[in-house]
Amino acid sequence: ELGLTTAELSYLQERRLAYENLAKRTGLPGVKAVSTSLIQAERYGTPLGQALRVMAQENRDMRMSEAEKKAAGLPPKLTVPM
């Protein structure tokens, strides 16, 4: 996907289209968020580093909460004899 996006960045007139196509092709919310941040950073001149740090922290928090939910569901499963 990144190779195709790199090719699109070189031949499309607007970089925004390449980022939008990447988000559509993958269909992943995280990739969509990154592509939106890239588009906004390019359009408005906002710093990209801070936005990427915030997204990374949010993704870490989401993964941690999912792991905690799975761990919370284990005790009832472990007490049932197999």
Protein backbone atom coordinates (compact mmCIF):
# COMPACT_ATOMS: atom_id res chain seq x y z
CA GLU A 1 0.00 0.00 0.00
CA LEU A 2 2.79 2.42 0.82
CA GLY A 3 4.46 1.70 -2.52
CA LEU A 4 1.25 2.43 -4.36
CA THR A 5 0.72 5.58 -2.31
CA THR A 6 4.25 6.71 -3.14
CA ALA A 7 3.54 6.20 -6.83
CA GLU A 8 0.28 8.14 -6.53
CA LEU A 9 2.07 10.97 -4.74
CA SER A 10 4.40 11.31 -7.71
CA TYR A 11 1.80 11.34 -10.48
CA LEU A 12 -1.39 12.80 -8.97
CA GLN A 13 -1.78 16.55 -9.06
CA GLU A 14 -2.95 16.77 -5.44
CA ARG A 15 -1.28 14.89 -2.62
CA ARG A 16 -4.63 14.91 -0.82
CA LEU A 17 -6.02 12.43 -3.35
CA ALA A 18 -3.19 9.97 -2.71
CA TYR A 19 -3.79 10.13 1.05
CA GLU A 20 -7.55 9.70 0.60
CA ASN A 21 -6.99 6.72 -1.71
CA LEU A 22 -4.73 5.11 0.88
CA ALA A 23 -7.43 5.46 3.53
CA LYS A 24 -10.07 4.01 1.19
CA ARG A 25 -7.92 1.06 0.13
CA THR A 26 -7.01 0.00 3.65
CA GLY A 27 -10.34 0.73 5.31
CA LEU A 28 -8.61 0.95 8.70
CA PRO A 29 -9.63 3.72 11.11
CA GLY A 30 -6.03 4.32 12.17
CA VAL A 31 -4.83 4.80 8.60
CA LYS A 32 -7.78 7.07 7.91
CA ALA A 33 -6.86 9.20 10.93
CA VAL A 34 -3.23 9.46 9.81
CA SER A 35 -4.21 10.37 6.26
CA THR A 36 -6.61 13.02 7.56
CA SER A 37 -3.83 14.45 9.72
CA LEU A 38 -1.48 14.52 6.74
CA ILE A 39 -4.08 16.32 4.64
CA GLN A 40 -4.80 18.87 7.35
CA ALA A 41 -1.11 19.45 8.05
CA GLU A 42 -0.48 20.12 4.39
CA ARG A 43 -3.56 22.30 3.92
CA TYR A 44 -3.32 24.42 7.06
CA GLY A 45 0.39 24.20 7.79
CA THR A 46 -0.18 22.69 11.22
CA PRO A 47 2.62 20.70 12.88
CA LEU A 48 2.32 17.02 12.15
CA GLY A 49 4.50 15.67 14.95
CA GLN A 50 2.18 16.54 17.81
CA ALA A 51 -0.86 15.14 15.98
CA LEU A 52 0.94 11.86 15.34
CA ARG A 53 2.04 11.66 19.00
CA VAL A 54 -1.56 12.11 20.16
CA MET A 55 -2.81 9.44 17.74
CA ALA A 56 -0.10 7.02 18.86
CA GLN A 57 -1.04 7.53 22.51
CA GLU A 58 -4.74 7.02 21.72
CA ASN A 59 -3.95 3.78 19.88
CA ARG A 60 -1.84 2.54 22.81
CA ASP A 61 -4.67 3.37 25.22
CA MET A 62 -7.20 1.53 23.03
CA ARG A 63 -5.01 -1.57 22.83
CA MET A 64 -4.48 -1.52 26.59
CA SER A 65 -8.20 -1.25 27.31
CA GLU A 66 -8.92 -4.15 24.92
CA ALA A 67 -6.29 -6.26 26.67
CA GLU A 68 -7.78 -5.38 30.07
CA LYS A 69 -11.25 -6.40 28.86
CA LYS A 70 -9.92 -9.75 27.66
CA ALA A 71 -8.07 -10.27 30.94
CA ALA A 72 -11.20 -9.43 32.94
CA GLY A 73 -13.11 -12.13 31.07
CA LEU A 74 -10.60 -14.87 31.84
CA PRO A 75 -11.40 -15.78 35.50
CA PRO A 76 -14.92 -17.09 34.78
CA LYS A 77 -13.58 -19.15 31.89
CA LEU A 78 -10.77 -20.61 33.99
CA THR A 79 -13.08 -21.78 36.80
CA VAL A 80 -15.26 -23.90 34.51
CA PRO A 81 -13.96 -27.49 34.28
CA MET A 82 -13.16 -28.61 30.78
